[in-house]
């Protein structure tokens, strides 16, 4: 299993993150998902905003090469305020949302490393993806998320996304 290091992204990481975004956009398009990230999204302004918030992270391989990125943002997230055709596993506890996940196609296990990192910071995670993003849907379900319903992105009301939640009970267990 490949070992990855996750660090908070710095402003000088913006260019490599933008390259990862473009690589991920092409991967999505090549795998039947041409609409989730249209050309121009995520924009440099979105990435700069993520960096300014301090919740953008980079994933590096053992050689120090950046092979992935993601945002882990504390909720509430306006897009998650209303869920349709389902319900959240829990809608009362604070949660974090994982956004803008990228990785190089040859870097295997990046998503699992991201989830391991995120679950150490919050036992209540949410994520969403486009219906046509079969790769991400597989990864999300494989890594323990439960499908909860449909949300609409606040940035584009017509943008429907499949919403998932993971609640880790590790923090809930009583130690003997």
Protein backbone atom coordinates (compact mmCIF):
# COMPACT_ATOMS: atom_id res chain seq x y z
CA UNK A 1 0.00 0.00 0.00
CA UNK A 2 1.31 3.41 -0.95
CA UNK A 3 2.02 5.80 1.87
CA UNK A 4 0.80 9.38 1.54
CA UNK A 5 1.40 12.53 3.54
CA UNK A 6 -1.31 15.16 3.81
CA UNK A 7 -0.46 18.80 4.47
CA UNK A 8 -2.38 22.03 4.53
CA UNK A 9 -1.97 23.64 1.10
CA UNK A 10 -0.12 26.92 0.90
CA UNK A 11 -0.62 29.75 -1.62
CA UNK A 12 2.35 28.55 -3.68
CA UNK A 13 0.52 25.21 -4.17
CA UNK A 14 -2.24 26.88 -6.20
CA UNK A 15 -0.72 26.10 -9.58
CA UNK A 16 -0.23 22.40 -8.90
CA UNK A 17 -3.79 22.23 -7.51
CA UNK A 18 -5.09 23.84 -10.71
CA UNK A 19 -3.18 21.22 -12.73
CA UNK A 20 -4.75 18.47 -10.61
CA UNK A 21 -8.18 20.01 -11.22
CA UNK A 22 -7.61 19.87 -14.97
CA UNK A 23 -6.36 16.27 -14.79
CA UNK A 24 -9.40 15.28 -12.74
CA UNK A 25 -11.74 17.10 -15.15
CA UNK A 26 -10.27 15.11 -18.06
CA UNK A 27 -10.56 11.85 -16.11
CA UNK A 28 -14.21 12.58 -15.38
CA UNK A 29 -14.91 13.42 -19.03
CA UNK A 30 -13.14 10.28 -20.26
CA UNK A 31 -15.27 8.18 -17.89
CA UNK A 32 -18.73 9.42 -18.85
CA UNK A 33 -18.99 12.46 -16.59
CA UNK A 34 -18.63 15.51 -18.86
CA UNK A 35 -20.76 17.91 -16.81
CA UNK A 36 -19.64 17.89 -13.17
CA UNK A 37 -16.70 20.26 -13.58
CA UNK A 38 -17.29 22.39 -16.67
CA UNK A 39 -14.35 24.29 -18.15
CA UNK A 40 -13.60 27.16 -15.80
CA UNK A 41 -14.71 25.39 -12.63
CA UNK A 42 -13.13 25.18 -10.18
CA UNK A 43 -11.60 28.52 -11.10
CA UNK A 44 -8.38 29.94 -9.76
CA UNK A 45 -10.51 32.26 -7.62
CA UNK A 46 -12.24 29.24 -6.03
CA UNK A 47 -8.87 27.63 -5.28
CA UNK A 48 -7.47 30.91 -3.90
CA UNK A 49 -10.57 31.17 -1.67
CA UNK A 50 -9.99 27.59 -0.44
CA UNK A 51 -6.38 28.46 0.33
CA UNK A 52 -7.40 31.66 2.12
CA UNK A 53 -9.90 29.70 4.26
CA UNK A 54 -7.03 27.39 5.26
CA UNK A 55 -9.04 24.23 4.58
CA UNK A 56 -7.40 23.10 1.33
CA UNK A 57 -4.99 20.18 1.56
CA UNK A 58 -2.46 18.49 -0.69
CA UNK A 59 -1.62 14.79 -0.77
CA UNK A 60 2.03 13.89 -1.40
CA UNK A 61 3.55 10.53 -2.22
CA UNK A 62 6.65 9.12 -0.52
CA UNK A 63 8.89 11.09 -2.91
CA UNK A 64 7.16 14.36 -2.00
CA UNK A 65 5.28 14.70 -5.31
CA UNK A 66 1.82 16.25 -5.01
CA UNK A 67 -0.60 13.58 -6.25
CA UNK A 68 -3.93 14.87 -4.94
CA UNK A 69 -5.82 17.65 -3.22
CA UNK A 70 -9.09 18.25 -1.41
CA UNK A 71 -10.98 20.70 0.78
CA UNK A 72 -12.22 19.78 4.25
CA UNK A 73 -14.61 22.52 5.33
CA UNK A 74 -16.56 22.76 8.55
CA UNK A 75 -20.32 22.90 8.06
CA UNK A 76 -22.96 23.97 7.91
CA UNK A 77 -22.80 24.12 4.13
CA UNK A 78 -25.73 25.94 2.46
CA UNK A 79 -25.96 23.25 -0.24
CA UNK A 80 -26.59 20.63 2.44
CA UNK A 81 -29.45 22.56 4.09
CA UNK A 82 -32.17 20.72 2.17
CA UNK A 83 -31.99 17.09 1.12
CA UNK A 84 -34.54 15.49 -1.19
CA UNK A 85 -35.62 11.89 -1.72
CA UNK A 86 -33.91 10.85 1.50
CA UNK A 87 -32.51 12.16 4.75
CA UNK A 88 -29.19 12.60 6.54
CA UNK A 89 -28.06 9.86 8.89
CA UNK A 90 -27.90 12.58 11.54
CA UNK A 91 -28.82 16.20 11.01
CA UNK A 92 -28.15 17.48 14.52
CA UNK A 93 -24.38 16.99 15.02
CA UNK A 94 -21.74 19.35 13.60
CA UNK A 95 -20.18 18.02 10.40
CA UNK A 96 -17.42 18.64 7.88
CA UNK A 97 -17.78 18.50 4.11
CA UNK A 98 -15.20 17.14 1.69
CA UNK A 99 -15.06 19.13 -1.56
CA UNK A 100 -12.99 19.25 -4.76
CA UNK A 101 -11.18 15.91 -4.47
CA UNK A 102 -8.45 15.39 -7.06
CA UNK A 103 -5.79 12.81 -7.71
CA UNK A 104 -3.46 11.70 -10.43
CA UNK A 105 -4.81 8.61 -12.23
CA UNK A 106 -1.67 6.59 -11.45
CA UNK A 107 -1.79 7.38 -7.72
CA UNK A 108 -3.85 4.61 -6.15
CA UNK A 109 -5.32 4.81 -2.66
CA UNK A 110 -5.40 8.61 -2.49
CA UNK A 111 -9.11 8.78 -1.67
CA UNK A 112 -8.74 6.26 1.16
CA UNK A 113 -5.86 8.31 2.57
CA UNK A 114 -8.01 11.45 2.38
CA UNK A 115 -10.87 9.77 4.24
CA UNK A 116 -8.50 8.43 6.93
CA UNK A 117 -7.19 11.96 7.41
CA UNK A 118 -10.65 13.54 7.50
CA UNK A 119 -12.16 11.04 9.93
CA UNK A 120 -9.38 11.91 12.40
CA UNK A 121 -10.67 15.50 12.37
CA UNK A 122 -14.41 14.84 12.46
CA UNK A 123 -16.53 11.80 13.13
CA UNK A 124 -19.29 13.25 10.92
CA UNK A 125 -18.39 13.73 7.25
CA UNK A 126 -20.49 14.62 4.23
CA UNK A 127 -19.63 14.52 0.54
CA UNK A 128 -21.53 14.82 -2.71
CA UNK A 129 -20.92 13.95 -6.33
CA UNK A 130 -22.54 14.05 -9.75
CA UNK A 131 -24.78 11.14 -10.71
CA UNK A 132 -22.46 10.39 -13.67
CA UNK A 133 -19.30 10.30 -11.54
CA UNK A 134 -19.19 6.52 -11.24
CA UNK A 135 -15.57 6.52 -10.08
CA UNK A 136 -16.29 8.82 -7.13
CA UNK A 137 -19.55 7.06 -6.28
CA UNK A 138 -17.65 3.76 -6.09
CA UNK A 139 -14.89 5.26 -3.93
CA UNK A 140 -17.34 6.99 -1.59
CA UNK A 141 -19.34 3.80 -0.99
CA UNK A 142 -16.19 1.64 -0.75
CA UNK A 143 -14.86 3.95 1.98
CA UNK A 144 -17.90 3.67 4.24
CA UNK A 145 -20.22 6.50 3.24
CA UNK A 146 -23.98 5.95 3.11
CA UNK A 147 -26.11 7.40 0.32
CA UNK A 148 -28.60 9.84 1.89
CA UNK A 149 -30.42 11.62 -0.95
CA UNK A 150 -30.16 14.50 -3.39
CA UNK A 151 -28.95 18.05 -2.78
CA UNK A 152 -28.79 21.06 -5.06
CA UNK A 153 -25.61 23.13 -5.09
CA UNK A 154 -26.09 26.65 -3.77
CA UNK A 155 -23.80 28.03 -6.49
CA UNK A 156 -26.06 26.59 -9.20
CA UNK A 157 -29.57 25.73 -8.05
CA UNK A 158 -30.09 23.37 -10.95
CA UNK A 159 -26.94 21.39 -10.14
CA UNK A 160 -28.21 18.17 -8.58
CA UNK A 161 -25.78 16.05 -6.60
CA UNK A 162 -25.95 12.69 -4.83
CA UNK A 163 -25.24 13.25 -1.14
CA UNK A 164 -23.50 10.88 1.25
CA UNK A 165 -22.66 10.89 4.94
CA UNK A 166 -20.30 8.91 7.17
CA UNK A 167 -20.55 8.93 10.92
CA UNK A 168 -17.66 7.22 12.64
CA UNK A 169 -18.61 5.63 15.91
CA UNK A 170 -14.98 5.38 17.04
CA UNK A 171 -15.43 8.63 18.96
CA UNK A 172 -18.75 7.33 20.38
CA UNK A 173 -17.50 4.05 21.82
CA UNK A 174 -17.07 3.82 25.56
CA UNK A 175 -13.65 2.50 26.52
CA UNK A 176 -13.75 -0.44 28.98
